């Protein structure tokens, strides 16, 4: 990923340099147009001046053709740099997807692939900001979907309650109109229907609990990812500090070790 970022910066620098060259060529074209204007204004001053100005105009025409050729080459270079940058971006995206897939199945990797998993974990420490924003958007989308599911669940429960209320009213009306009939089949049917509705309500409640648990797991995963990133940043900073301290301590030791060697070389010379 660092290589891809460096490649992008190099492409941007080359684009800036080529843009400066194009501006210089545009300035030269403007100067040429100004000289042609002077020629048109000074057409009546004399034959000699016209000849000299025409000669200079021909020189500028040659220079303008050269400028156009250079501009074409610069455009070709820009196209090549654009294609190279797109290739680097595609490679970085493929690498990030591969790293994400390996992280998801990292717990099931056998022992012979542990070294590769450690390298992938090191790469995952330097996850770019784009992937983090993508994960945040995915988490937000999941939370929005969970809210919509909760709303639909509540609407479904409300509809069931309305249906049950109407059903009870109709059953009471039938019972009042047909007292002569045996009420046992009606009561059994009502009980069966009530049991079925109760089972459906229990299933709906279970689904709601599962959805609530999924939301909690998503929130915990998001918090754990943020904590892990903060911990890795702190560890990286501490390691850099330790590295600078070790480098600063190694240099004086090298100087101290070089001084006794020079003293020993000087003593045999004095004895001779």
C-alpha atoms as a PDB file:
ATOM      1  CA  UNK A   1       0.000   0.000   0.000  1.00  0.00           C
ATOM      2  CA  UNK A   2       2.881   2.376   0.764  1.00  0.00           C
ATOM      3  CA  UNK A   3       4.332   1.640  -2.661  1.00  0.00           C
ATOM      4  CA  UNK A   4       1.013   2.448  -4.309  1.00  0.00           C
ATOM      5  CA  UNK A   5       0.778   5.736  -2.393  1.00  0.00           C
ATOM      6  CA  UNK A   6       4.349   6.649  -3.393  1.00  0.00           C
ATOM      7  CA  UNK A   7       3.506   5.785  -7.007  1.00  0.00           C
ATOM      8  CA  UNK A   8       0.457   8.066  -6.871  1.00  0.00           C
ATOM      9  CA  UNK A   9       2.559  10.921  -5.441  1.00  0.00           C
ATOM     10  CA  UNK A  10       5.162  10.442  -8.195  1.00  0.00           C
ATOM     11  CA  UNK A  11       2.434  10.554 -10.838  1.00  0.00           C
ATOM     12  CA  UNK A  12       1.027  13.740  -9.333  1.00  0.00           C
ATOM     13  CA  UNK A  13       4.496  15.360  -9.286  1.00  0.00           C
ATOM     14  CA  UNK A  14       5.076  14.472 -12.935  1.00  0.00           C
ATOM     15  CA  UNK A  15       1.653  15.883 -13.797  1.00  0.00           C
ATOM     16  CA  UNK A  16       2.519  19.157 -12.054  1.00  0.00           C
ATOM     17  CA  UNK A  17       5.836  19.398 -13.929  1.00  0.00           C
ATOM     18  CA  UNK A  18       4.156  18.693 -17.262  1.00  0.00           C
ATOM     19  CA  UNK A  19       1.474  21.282 -16.455  1.00  0.00           C
ATOM     20  CA  UNK A  20       4.209  23.883 -15.856  1.00  0.00           C
ATOM     21  CA  UNK A  21       5.764  23.018 -19.228  1.00  0.00           C
ATOM     22  CA  UNK A  22       2.374  23.406 -20.948  1.00  0.00           C
ATOM     23  CA  UNK A  23       1.925  26.820 -19.305  1.00  0.00           C
ATOM     24  CA  UNK A  24       5.358  27.888 -20.596  1.00  0.00           C
ATOM     25  CA  UNK A  25       4.400  26.730 -24.084  1.00  0.00           C
ATOM     26  CA  UNK A  26       1.124  28.664 -23.843  1.00  0.00           C
ATOM     27  CA  UNK A  27       3.068  31.787 -22.873  1.00  0.00           C
ATOM     28  CA  UNK A  28       5.306  31.342 -25.913  1.00  0.00           C
ATOM     29  CA  UNK A  29       2.182  30.985 -28.114  1.00  0.00           C
ATOM     30  CA  UNK A  30       0.833  34.217 -26.648  1.00  0.00           C
ATOM     31  CA  UNK A  31       4.099  35.980 -27.447  1.00  0.00           C
ATOM     32  CA  UNK A  32       3.860  34.686 -31.000  1.00  0.00           C
ATOM     33  CA  UNK A  33       0.333  36.062 -31.376  1.00  0.00           C
ATOM     34  CA  UNK A  34       1.504  39.430 -30.043  1.00  0.00           C
ATOM     35  CA  UNK A  35       4.339  39.575 -32.605  1.00  0.00           C
ATOM     36  CA  UNK A  36       1.890  38.749 -35.400  1.00  0.00           C
ATOM     37  CA  UNK A  37      -0.293  41.644 -34.194  1.00  0.00           C
ATOM     38  CA  UNK A  38       2.675  43.962 -34.331  1.00  0.00           C
ATOM     39  CA  UNK A  39       3.359  42.798 -37.900  1.00  0.00           C
ATOM     40  CA  UNK A  40      -0.211  43.621 -38.939  1.00  0.00           C
ATOM     41  CA  UNK A  41       0.001  47.088 -37.339  1.00  0.00           C
ATOM     42  CA  UNK A  42       3.402  47.895 -38.846  1.00  0.00           C
ATOM     43  CA  UNK A  43       2.535  46.696 -42.385  1.00  0.00           C
ATOM     44  CA  UNK A  44       2.807  50.205 -43.864  1.00  0.00           C
ATOM     45  CA  UNK A  45       6.116  51.269 -42.271  1.00  0.00           C
ATOM     46  CA  UNK A  46       8.390  49.874 -44.967  1.00  0.00           C
ATOM     47  CA  UNK A  47       9.507  46.864 -46.944  1.00  0.00           C
ATOM     48  CA  UNK A  48      12.633  46.163 -44.957  1.00  0.00           C
ATOM     49  CA  UNK A  49      10.840  46.007 -41.629  1.00  0.00           C
ATOM     50  CA  UNK A  50       8.194  43.728 -43.150  1.00  0.00           C
ATOM     51  CA  UNK A  51      10.859  41.317 -44.440  1.00  0.00           C
ATOM     52  CA  UNK A  52      12.595  41.162 -41.078  1.00  0.00           C
ATOM     53  CA  UNK A  53       9.322  40.673 -39.213  1.00  0.00           C
ATOM     54  CA  UNK A  54       8.272  37.927 -41.651  1.00  0.00           C
ATOM     55  CA  UNK A  55      11.567  36.145 -41.065  1.00  0.00           C
ATOM     56  CA  UNK A  56      11.019  36.299 -37.316  1.00  0.00           C
ATOM     57  CA  UNK A  57       7.425  35.080 -37.852  1.00  0.00           C
ATOM     58  CA  UNK A  58       8.746  32.070 -39.766  1.00  0.00           C
ATOM     59  CA  UNK A  59      11.097  31.340 -36.873  1.00  0.00           C
ATOM     60  CA  UNK A  60       8.167  31.570 -34.490  1.00  0.00           C
ATOM     61  CA  UNK A  61       6.158  29.253 -36.751  1.00  0.00           C
ATOM     62  CA  UNK A  62       8.927  26.652 -36.533  1.00  0.00           C
ATOM     63  CA  UNK A  63       8.992  27.126 -32.767  1.00  0.00           C
ATOM     64  CA  UNK A  64       5.185  26.765 -32.616  1.00  0.00           C
ATOM     65  CA  UNK A  65       5.372  23.454 -34.508  1.00  0.00           C
ATOM     66  CA  UNK A  66       7.974  22.254 -32.042  1.00  0.00           C
ATOM     67  CA  UNK A  67       5.725  23.327 -29.189  1.00  0.00           C
ATOM     68  CA  UNK A  68       2.833  21.333 -30.640  1.00  0.00           C
ATOM     69  CA  UNK A  69       5.047  18.262 -30.968  1.00  0.00           C
ATOM     70  CA  UNK A  70       6.192  18.604 -27.368  1.00  0.00           C
ATOM     71  CA  UNK A  71       2.585  19.038 -26.255  1.00  0.00           C
ATOM     72  CA  UNK A  72       1.610  15.805 -28.019  1.00  0.00           C
ATOM     73  CA  UNK A  73       4.448  13.926 -26.312  1.00  0.00           C
ATOM     74  CA  UNK A  74       3.402  15.370 -22.956  1.00  0.00           C
ATOM     75  CA  UNK A  75      -0.183  14.245 -23.515  1.00  0.00           C
ATOM     76  CA  UNK A  76       1.022  10.744 -24.350  1.00  0.00           C
ATOM     77  CA  UNK A  77       3.077  10.711 -21.162  1.00  0.00           C
ATOM     78  CA  UNK A  78       0.063  11.861 -19.157  1.00  0.00           C
ATOM     79  CA  UNK A  79      -2.006   9.027 -20.614  1.00  0.00           C
ATOM     80  CA  UNK A  80       0.728   6.522 -19.718  1.00  0.00           C
ATOM     81  CA  UNK A  81       0.911   7.891 -16.169  1.00  0.00           C
ATOM     82  CA  UNK A  82      -2.878   7.708 -15.846  1.00  0.00           C
ATOM     83  CA  UNK A  83      -2.910   4.071 -16.941  1.00  0.00           C
ATOM     84  CA  UNK A  84      -0.079   3.278 -14.527  1.00  0.00           C
ATOM     85  CA  UNK A  85      -1.924   5.000 -11.674  1.00  0.00           C
ATOM     86  CA  UNK A  86      -5.126   3.079 -12.448  1.00  0.00           C
ATOM     87  CA  UNK A  87      -3.163  -0.166 -12.426  1.00  0.00           C
ATOM     88  CA  UNK A  88      -1.680   0.678  -9.037  1.00  0.00           C
ATOM     89  CA  UNK A  89      -5.121   1.527  -7.655  1.00  0.00           C
ATOM     90  CA  UNK A  90      -6.539  -1.787  -8.910  1.00  0.00           C
ATOM     91  CA  UNK A  91      -3.625  -3.702  -7.393  1.00  0.00           C
ATOM     92  CA  UNK A  92      -4.084  -1.953  -4.042  1.00  0.00           C
ATOM     93  CA  UNK A  93      -7.824  -2.709  -4.064  1.00  0.00           C
ATOM     94  CA  UNK A  94      -7.210  -6.389  -4.856  1.00  0.00           C
ATOM     95  CA  UNK A  95      -4.604  -6.593  -2.095  1.00  0.00           C
ATOM     96  CA  UNK A  96      -6.957  -5.000   0.449  1.00  0.00           C
ATOM     97  CA  UNK A  97      -9.755  -7.425  -0.512  1.00  0.00           C
ATOM     98  CA  UNK A  98      -7.374 -10.357  -0.144  1.00  0.00           C
ATOM     99  CA  UNK A  99      -6.262  -9.120   3.273  1.00  0.00           C
ATOM    100  CA  UNK A 100      -9.886  -8.706   4.388  1.00  0.00           C
ATOM    101  CA  UNK A 101     -10.742 -12.244   3.256  1.00  0.00           C
ATOM    102  CA  UNK A 102      -7.733 -13.699   5.038  1.00  0.00           C
ATOM    103  CA  UNK A 103      -8.667 -11.842   8.215  1.00  0.00           C
ATOM    104  CA  UNK A 104     -12.179 -13.324   8.162  1.00  0.00           C
ATOM    105  CA  UNK A 105     -10.869 -16.897   7.960  1.00  0.00           C
ATOM    106  CA  UNK A 106      -7.728 -16.248  10.004  1.00  0.00           C
ATOM    107  CA  UNK A 107      -8.834 -18.505  12.886  1.00  0.00           C
ATOM    108  CA  UNK A 108      -9.121 -21.551  10.589  1.00  0.00           C
ATOM    109  CA  UNK A 109      -5.642 -21.326   9.040  1.00  0.00           C
ATOM    110  CA  UNK A 110      -3.457 -24.465   9.659  1.00  0.00           C
ATOM    111  CA  UNK A 111      -0.058 -24.318  11.291  1.00  0.00           C
ATOM    112  CA  UNK A 112       1.897 -24.336   8.033  1.00  0.00           C
ATOM    113  CA  UNK A 113       0.233 -21.069   6.997  1.00  0.00           C
ATOM    114  CA  UNK A 114       0.842 -19.234  10.299  1.00  0.00           C
ATOM    115  CA  UNK A 115       3.747 -17.234   8.842  1.00  0.00           C
ATOM    116  CA  UNK A 116       1.539 -15.949   6.023  1.00  0.00           C
ATOM    117  CA  UNK A 117      -1.192 -15.051   8.527  1.00  0.00           C
ATOM    118  CA  UNK A 118       1.316 -13.042  10.580  1.00  0.00           C
ATOM    119  CA  UNK A 119       2.329 -11.098   7.465  1.00  0.00           C
ATOM    120  CA  UNK A 120      -1.322 -10.444   6.662  1.00  0.00           C
ATOM    121  CA  UNK A 121      -1.919  -9.206  10.210  1.00  0.00           C
ATOM    122  CA  UNK A 122       1.027  -6.827   9.850  1.00  0.00           C
ATOM    123  CA  UNK A 123      -0.471  -5.532   6.619  1.00  0.00           C
ATOM    124  CA  UNK A 124      -3.876  -5.154   8.262  1.00  0.00           C
ATOM    125  CA  UNK A 125      -2.307  -2.878  10.890  1.00  0.00           C
ATOM    126  CA  UNK A 126      -1.678  -0.311   8.186  1.00  0.00           C
ATOM    127  CA  UNK A 127      -5.209  -0.399   6.821  1.00  0.00           C
ATOM    128  CA  UNK A 128      -5.944   2.729   4.797  1.00  0.00           C
ATOM    129  CA  UNK A 129      -8.561   5.275   5.791  1.00  0.00           C
ATOM    130  CA  UNK A 130     -10.738   4.348   2.805  1.00  0.00           C
ATOM    131  CA  UNK A 131     -11.391   0.820   4.104  1.00  0.00           C
ATOM    132  CA  UNK A 132     -12.233   2.195   7.547  1.00  0.00           C
ATOM    133  CA  UNK A 133     -14.797   4.542   6.031  1.00  0.00           C
ATOM    134  CA  UNK A 134     -16.251   1.661   4.018  1.00  0.00           C
ATOM    135  CA  UNK A 135     -16.614  -0.423   7.191  1.00  0.00           C
ATOM    136  CA  UNK A 136     -18.266   2.519   8.958  1.00  0.00           C
ATOM    137  CA  UNK A 137     -20.746   2.943   6.107  1.00  0.00           C
ATOM    138  CA  UNK A 138     -21.518  -0.786   6.141  1.00  0.00           C
ATOM    139  CA  UNK A 139     -22.142  -0.691   9.902  1.00  0.00           C
ATOM    140  CA  UNK A 140     -24.418   2.321   9.496  1.00  0.00           C
ATOM    141  CA  UNK A 141     -26.336   0.558   6.713  1.00  0.00           C
ATOM    142  CA  UNK A 142     -26.795  -2.520   8.931  1.00  0.00           C
ATOM    143  CA  UNK A 143     -28.044  -0.353  11.776  1.00  0.00           C
ATOM    144  CA  UNK A 144     -30.512   1.362   9.437  1.00  0.00           C
ATOM    145  CA  UNK A 145     -31.755  -2.025   8.196  1.00  0.00           C
ATOM    146  CA  UNK A 146     -32.210  -3.197  11.786  1.00  0.00           C
ATOM    147  CA  UNK A 147     -34.253  -0.094  12.601  1.00  0.00           C
ATOM    148  CA  UNK A 148     -36.449  -0.693   9.550  1.00  0.00           C
ATOM    149  CA  UNK A 149     -36.950  -4.327  10.572  1.00  0.00           C
ATOM    150  CA  UNK A 150     -37.946  -3.234  14.066  1.00  0.00           C
ATOM    151  CA  UNK A 151     -40.502  -0.835  12.628  1.00  0.00           C
ATOM    152  CA  UNK A 152     -41.936  -3.515  10.338  1.00  0.00           C
ATOM    153  CA  UNK A 153     -42.102  -5.930  13.287  1.00  0.00           C
ATOM    154  CA  UNK A 154     -44.032  -3.429  15.392  1.00  0.00           C
ATOM    155  CA  UNK A 155     -46.424  -2.763  12.507  1.00  0.00           C
ATOM    156  CA  UNK A 156     -46.975  -6.509  12.102  1.00  0.00           C
ATOM    157  CA  UNK A 157     -47.757  -6.905  15.791  1.00  0.00           C
ATOM    158  CA  UNK A 158     -50.202  -3.999  15.656  1.00  0.00           C
ATOM    159  CA  UNK A 159     -51.927  -5.545  12.623  1.00  0.00           C
ATOM    160  CA  UNK A 160     -52.210  -8.896  14.419  1.00  0.00           C
ATOM    161  CA  UNK A 161     -53.770  -7.230  17.442  1.00  0.00           C
ATOM    162  CA  UNK A 162     -56.348  -5.506  15.230  1.00  0.00           C
ATOM    163  CA  UNK A 163     -57.156  -8.764  13.458  1.00  0.00           C
ATOM    164  CA  UNK A 164     -57.557 -10.580  16.754  1.00  0.00           C
ATOM    165  CA  UNK A 165     -59.851  -7.848  18.111  1.00  0.00           C
ATOM    166  CA  UNK A 166     -62.114  -8.055  15.064  1.00  0.00           C
ATOM    167  CA  UNK A 167     -62.069 -11.822  15.231  1.00  0.00           C
ATOM    168  CA  UNK A 168     -63.176 -11.783  18.873  1.00  0.00           C
ATOM    169  CA  UNK A 169     -65.993  -9.357  18.118  1.00  0.00           C
ATOM    170  CA  UNK A 170     -67.256 -11.528  15.272  1.00  0.00           C
ATOM    171  CA  UNK A 171     -67.085 -14.643  17.425  1.00  0.00           C
ATOM    172  CA  UNK A 172     -69.055 -12.957  20.196  1.00  0.00           C
ATOM    173  CA  UNK A 173     -71.694 -11.870  17.699  1.00  0.00           C
ATOM    174  CA  UNK A 174     -72.004 -15.391  16.354  1.00  0.00           C
ATOM    175  CA  UNK A 175     -72.286 -16.804  19.851  1.00  0.00           C
ATOM    176  CA  UNK A 176     -74.999 -14.305  20.745  1.00  0.00           C
ATOM    177  CA  UNK A 177     -76.955 -15.001  17.553  1.00  0.00           C
ATOM    178  CA  UNK A 178     -76.656 -18.779  17.755  1.00  0.00           C
ATOM    179  CA  UNK A 179     -77.102 -19.661  21.410  1.00  0.00           C
ATOM    180  CA  UNK A 180     -79.014 -22.734  20.439  1.00  0.00           C
ATOM    181  CA  UNK A 181     -75.973 -24.280  18.765  1.00  0.00           C
ATOM    182  CA  UNK A 182     -73.329 -26.078  20.734  1.00  0.00           C
ATOM    183  CA  UNK A 183     -70.573 -23.664  21.712  1.00  0.00           C
ATOM    184  CA  UNK A 184     -67.882 -26.309  22.241  1.00  0.00           C
ATOM    185  CA  UNK A 185     -66.664 -26.465  18.612  1.00  0.00           C
ATOM    186  CA  UNK A 186     -66.555 -22.682  18.471  1.00  0.00           C
ATOM    187  CA  UNK A 187     -64.605 -22.477  21.710  1.00  0.00           C
ATOM    188  CA  UNK A 188     -62.169 -25.167  20.591  1.00  0.00           C
ATOM    189  CA  UNK A 189     -61.668 -23.349  17.290  1.00  0.00           C
ATOM    190  CA  UNK A 190     -61.155 -20.094  19.142  1.00  0.00           C
ATOM    191  CA  UNK A 191     -58.615 -21.728  21.479  1.00  0.00           C
ATOM    192  CA  UNK A 192     -56.754 -23.281  18.553  1.00  0.00           C
ATOM    193  CA  UNK A 193     -56.628 -19.966  16.791  1.00  0.00           C
ATOM    194  CA  UNK A 194     -55.488 -18.229  19.978  1.00  0.00           C
ATOM    195  CA  UNK A 195     -52.721 -20.818  20.414  1.00  0.00           C
ATOM    196  CA  UNK A 196     -51.614 -20.324  16.829  1.00  0.00           C
ATOM    197  CA  UNK A 197     -51.552 -16.563  17.271  1.00  0.00           C
ATOM    198  CA  UNK A 198     -49.638 -16.972  20.526  1.00  0.00           C
ATOM    199  CA  UNK A 199     -47.063 -19.196  18.816  1.00  0.00           C
ATOM    200  CA  UNK A 200     -46.691 -16.631  16.050  1.00  0.00           C
ATOM    201  CA  UNK A 201     -46.214 -13.886  18.613  1.00  0.00           C
ATOM    202  CA  UNK A 202     -43.553 -15.969  20.380  1.00  0.00           C
ATOM    203  CA  UNK A 203     -41.760 -16.505  17.091  1.00  0.00           C
ATOM    204  CA  UNK A 204     -41.909 -12.792  16.378  1.00  0.00           C
ATOM    205  CA  UNK A 205     -40.496 -12.056  19.836  1.00  0.00           C
ATOM    206  CA  UNK A 206     -37.690 -14.553  19.240  1.00  0.00           C
ATOM    207  CA  UNK A 207     -36.915 -12.879  15.937  1.00  0.00           C
ATOM    208  CA  UNK A 208     -36.847  -9.526  17.709  1.00  0.00           C
ATOM    209  CA  UNK A 209     -34.417 -10.862  20.317  1.00  0.00           C
ATOM    210  CA  UNK A 210     -32.187 -12.278  17.590  1.00  0.00           C
ATOM    211  CA  UNK A 211     -32.214  -8.962  15.773  1.00  0.00           C
ATOM    212  CA  UNK A 212     -31.451  -7.091  18.994  1.00  0.00           C
ATOM    213  CA  UNK A 213     -28.565  -9.454  19.652  1.00  0.00           C
ATOM    214  CA  UNK A 214     -27.267  -8.893  16.107  1.00  0.00           C
ATOM    215  CA  UNK A 215     -27.343  -5.136  16.660  1.00  0.00           C
ATOM    216  CA  UNK A 216     -25.434  -5.523  19.924  1.00  0.00           C
ATOM    217  CA  UNK A 217     -22.855  -7.778  18.239  1.00  0.00           C
ATOM    218  CA  UNK A 218     -22.397  -5.233  15.443  1.00  0.00           C
ATOM    219  CA  UNK A 219     -21.899  -2.444  17.973  1.00  0.00           C
ATOM    220  CA  UNK A 220     -19.417  -4.540  19.973  1.00  0.00           C
ATOM    221  CA  UNK A 221     -17.517  -5.447  16.809  1.00  0.00           C
ATOM    222  CA  UNK A 222     -17.324  -1.798  15.800  1.00  0.00           C
ATOM    223  CA  UNK A 223     -16.082  -0.785  19.255  1.00  0.00           C
ATOM    224  CA  UNK A 224     -13.528  -3.615  19.312  1.00  0.00           C
ATOM    225  CA  UNK A 225     -12.230  -2.583  15.889  1.00  0.00           C
ATOM    226  CA  UNK A 226     -11.830   1.012  17.036  1.00  0.00           C
ATOM    227  CA  UNK A 227     -10.074  -0.080  20.250  1.00  0.00           C
ATOM    228  CA  UNK A 228      -7.770  -2.382  18.307  1.00  0.00           C
ATOM    229  CA  UNK A 229      -6.836   0.409  15.908  1.00  0.00           C
ATOM    230  CA  UNK A 230      -6.076   2.777  18.777  1.00  0.00           C
ATOM    231  CA  UNK A 231      -3.981   0.098  20.505  1.00  0.00           C
ATOM    232  CA  UNK A 232      -2.031  -0.591  17.322  1.00  0.00           C
ATOM    233  CA  UNK A 233      -1.335   3.110  16.815  1.00  0.00           C
ATOM    234  CA  UNK A 234      -0.016   3.386  20.387  1.00  0.00           C
ATOM    235  CA  UNK A 235       2.171   0.279  19.947  1.00  0.00           C
ATOM    236  CA  UNK A 236       3.529   1.612  16.662  1.00  0.00           C
ATOM    237  CA  UNK A 237       4.440   4.918  18.310  1.00  0.00           C
ATOM    238  CA  UNK A 238       6.154   3.130  21.228  1.00  0.00           C
ATOM    239  CA  UNK A 239       8.128   0.888  18.861  1.00  0.00           C
ATOM    240  CA  UNK A 240       9.310   3.904  16.900  1.00  0.00           C
ATOM    241  CA  UNK A 241      10.442   5.574  20.121  1.00  0.00           C
ATOM    242  CA  UNK A 242      12.309   2.426  21.182  1.00  0.00           C
ATOM    243  CA  UNK A 243      13.952   2.208  17.770  1.00  0.00           C
ATOM    244  CA  UNK A 244      15.205   5.785  17.960  1.00  0.00           C
ATOM    245  CA  UNK A 245      16.507   5.194  21.508  1.00  0.00           C
ATOM    246  CA  UNK A 246      18.326   2.004  20.436  1.00  0.00           C
ATOM    247  CA  UNK A 247      19.933   3.766  17.478  1.00  0.00           C
ATOM    248  CA  UNK A 248      21.105   6.641  19.661  1.00  0.00           C
ATOM    249  CA  UNK A 249      22.598   4.183  22.206  1.00  0.00           C
ATOM    250  CA  UNK A 250      24.387   2.050  19.580  1.00  0.00           C
ATOM    251  CA  UNK A 251      26.391   4.954  18.134  1.00  0.00           C
ATOM    252  CA  UNK A 252      28.310   5.831  21.370  1.00  0.00           C
ATOM    253  CA  UNK A 253      29.103   2.134  21.911  1.00  0.00           C
ATOM    254  CA  UNK A 254      30.629   1.905  18.439  1.00  0.00           C
ATOM    255  CA  UNK A 255      32.781   4.974  19.122  1.00  0.00           C
ATOM    256  CA  UNK A 256      33.973   3.538  22.481  1.00  0.00           C
ATOM    257  CA  UNK A 257      34.846   0.199  20.867  1.00  0.00           C
ATOM    258  CA  UNK A 258      36.861   1.922  18.107  1.00  0.00           C
ATOM    259  CA  UNK A 259      39.040   3.902  20.582  1.00  0.00           C
ATOM    260  CA  UNK A 260      40.732   0.850  22.303  1.00  0.00           C
ATOM    261  CA  UNK A 261      41.609  -0.599  18.905  1.00  0.00           C
ATOM    262  CA  UNK A 262      43.451   2.560  17.891  1.00  0.00           C
ATOM    263  CA  UNK A 263      45.336   2.605  21.243  1.00  0.00           C
ATOM    264  CA  UNK A 264      46.508  -1.009  20.771  1.00  0.00           C
ATOM    265  CA  UNK A 265      47.742  -0.222  17.267  1.00  0.00           C
ATOM    266  CA  UNK A 266      49.708   2.750  18.595  1.00  0.00           C
ATOM    267  CA  UNK A 267      51.520   0.763  21.359  1.00  0.00           C
ATOM    268  CA  UNK A 268      53.476  -1.652  19.041  1.00  0.00           C
ATOM    269  CA  UNK A 269      54.725   1.344  17.060  1.00  0.00           C
ATOM    270  CA  UNK A 270      56.150   2.964  20.189  1.00  0.00           C
ATOM    271  CA  UNK A 271      57.938  -0.248  21.292  1.00  0.00           C
ATOM    272  CA  UNK A 272      59.697  -0.532  17.974  1.00  0.00           C
END
